[in-house]
Amino acid sequence: MNRQKVLTIAGIAGAVCIGASGAAAAGYLPLWLAEILLVIAFPLFVLFIGLWWNAAEGDEDIPFIGY
């Protein structure tokens, strides 16, 4: 995976987080469903931002960032 793919996945996960919280606040989405979406999407967002931060510019593999 290169930096652009990782950043795209992080952006999608971030958009899901923002969309779920906004839809729940506006009353379009039940609170329990928004919580499930946030529990799934927020760790993905944090993980892929970390991977993006450590990724090289080329097509090389993403370095291992630890446990």
C-alpha atoms as a PDB file:
ATOM      1  CA  MET A   1       0.000   0.000   0.000  1.00  0.00           C
ATOM      2  CA  ASN A   2       1.271   3.436  -0.820  1.00  0.00           C
ATOM      3  CA  ARG A   3       0.610   6.707   0.963  1.00  0.00           C
ATOM      4  CA  GLN A   4      -2.339   7.678  -1.219  1.00  0.00           C
ATOM      5  CA  LYS A   5      -4.255   4.441  -0.565  1.00  0.00           C
ATOM      6  CA  VAL A   6      -3.610   4.678   3.171  1.00  0.00           C
ATOM      7  CA  LEU A   7      -4.720   8.306   3.258  1.00  0.00           C
ATOM      8  CA  THR A   8      -7.876   7.447   1.298  1.00  0.00           C
ATOM      9  CA  ILE A   9      -8.823   4.726   3.780  1.00  0.00           C
ATOM     10  CA  ALA A  10      -8.126   7.083   6.685  1.00  0.00           C
ATOM     11  CA  GLY A  11     -10.286   9.749   5.033  1.00  0.00           C
ATOM     12  CA  ILE A  12     -13.166   7.335   4.555  1.00  0.00           C
ATOM     13  CA  ALA A  13     -12.944   6.200   8.177  1.00  0.00           C
ATOM     14  CA  GLY A  14     -12.822   9.835   9.338  1.00  0.00           C
ATOM     15  CA  ALA A  15     -15.826  10.702   7.197  1.00  0.00           C
ATOM     16  CA  VAL A  16     -17.755   7.784   8.697  1.00  0.00           C
ATOM     17  CA  CYS A  17     -16.923   9.071  12.183  1.00  0.00           C
ATOM     18  CA  ILE A  18     -18.010  12.616  11.394  1.00  0.00           C
ATOM     19  CA  GLY A  19     -21.101  11.474   9.489  1.00  0.00           C
ATOM     20  CA  ALA A  20     -22.237   9.092  12.210  1.00  0.00           C
ATOM     21  CA  SER A  21     -21.860  11.664  14.967  1.00  0.00           C
ATOM     22  CA  GLY A  22     -23.572  14.370  12.909  1.00  0.00           C
ATOM     23  CA  ALA A  23     -26.444  12.109  11.888  1.00  0.00           C
ATOM     24  CA  ALA A  24     -26.965  10.993  15.485  1.00  0.00           C
ATOM     25  CA  ALA A  25     -26.934  14.584  16.731  1.00  0.00           C
ATOM     26  CA  ALA A  26     -29.480  15.580  14.079  1.00  0.00           C
ATOM     27  CA  GLY A  27     -31.706  12.612  14.927  1.00  0.00           C
ATOM     28  CA  TYR A  28     -31.338  10.803  11.597  1.00  0.00           C
ATOM     29  CA  LEU A  29     -29.472   7.844  13.076  1.00  0.00           C
ATOM     30  CA  PRO A  30     -30.216   5.952  16.301  1.00  0.00           C
ATOM     31  CA  LEU A  31     -27.613   6.551  18.977  1.00  0.00           C
ATOM     32  CA  TRP A  32     -26.742   2.860  19.327  1.00  0.00           C
ATOM     33  CA  LEU A  33     -25.997   2.588  15.597  1.00  0.00           C
ATOM     34  CA  ALA A  34     -23.835   5.719  15.659  1.00  0.00           C
ATOM     35  CA  GLU A  35     -21.892   4.281  18.593  1.00  0.00           C
ATOM     36  CA  ILE A  36     -21.267   1.029  16.714  1.00  0.00           C
ATOM     37  CA  LEU A  37     -20.040   2.940  13.666  1.00  0.00           C
ATOM     38  CA  LEU A  38     -17.726   5.060  15.803  1.00  0.00           C
ATOM     39  CA  VAL A  39     -16.333   2.042  17.667  1.00  0.00           C
ATOM     40  CA  ILE A  40     -15.448   0.425  14.336  1.00  0.00           C
ATOM     41  CA  ALA A  41     -14.321   3.464  12.326  1.00  0.00           C
ATOM     42  CA  PHE A  42     -12.317   5.491  14.862  1.00  0.00           C
ATOM     43  CA  PRO A  43      -9.632   2.847  15.550  1.00  0.00           C
ATOM     44  CA  LEU A  44      -9.271   2.358  11.788  1.00  0.00           C
ATOM     45  CA  PHE A  45      -8.842   6.107  11.386  1.00  0.00           C
ATOM     46  CA  VAL A  46      -6.106   6.247  14.049  1.00  0.00           C
ATOM     47  CA  LEU A  47      -4.337   3.164  12.672  1.00  0.00           C
ATOM     48  CA  PHE A  48      -4.301   4.394   9.083  1.00  0.00           C
ATOM     49  CA  ILE A  49      -3.166   7.884  10.065  1.00  0.00           C
ATOM     50  CA  GLY A  50      -0.219   6.220  11.836  1.00  0.00           C
ATOM     51  CA  LEU A  51       0.508   4.102   8.781  1.00  0.00           C
ATOM     52  CA  TRP A  52       0.290   7.162   6.527  1.00  0.00           C
ATOM     53  CA  TRP A  53       2.696   9.029   8.782  1.00  0.00           C
ATOM     54  CA  ASN A  54       5.297   6.243   8.489  1.00  0.00           C
ATOM     55  CA  ALA A  55       4.779   5.324   4.831  1.00  0.00           C
ATOM     56  CA  ALA A  56       7.406   6.096   2.227  1.00  0.00           C
ATOM     57  CA  GLU A  57       6.658   8.040  -0.949  1.00  0.00           C
ATOM     58  CA  GLY A  58       7.304   5.130  -3.315  1.00  0.00           C
ATOM     59  CA  ASP A  59       5.619   1.754  -3.731  1.00  0.00           C
ATOM     60  CA  GLU A  60       7.588   0.148  -0.913  1.00  0.00           C
ATOM     61  CA  ASP A  61       5.892  -1.666   1.935  1.00  0.00           C
ATOM     62  CA  ILE A  62       4.678   0.253   4.943  1.00  0.00           C
ATOM     63  CA  PRO A  63       7.100  -0.199   7.838  1.00  0.00           C
ATOM     64  CA  PHE A  64       6.035  -2.145  10.896  1.00  0.00           C
ATOM     65  CA  ILE A  65       5.011   0.327  13.646  1.00  0.00           C
ATOM     66  CA  GLY A  66       4.804  -2.059  16.595  1.00  0.00           C
ATOM     67  CA  TYR A  67       2.212  -3.910  18.577  1.00  0.00           C
END
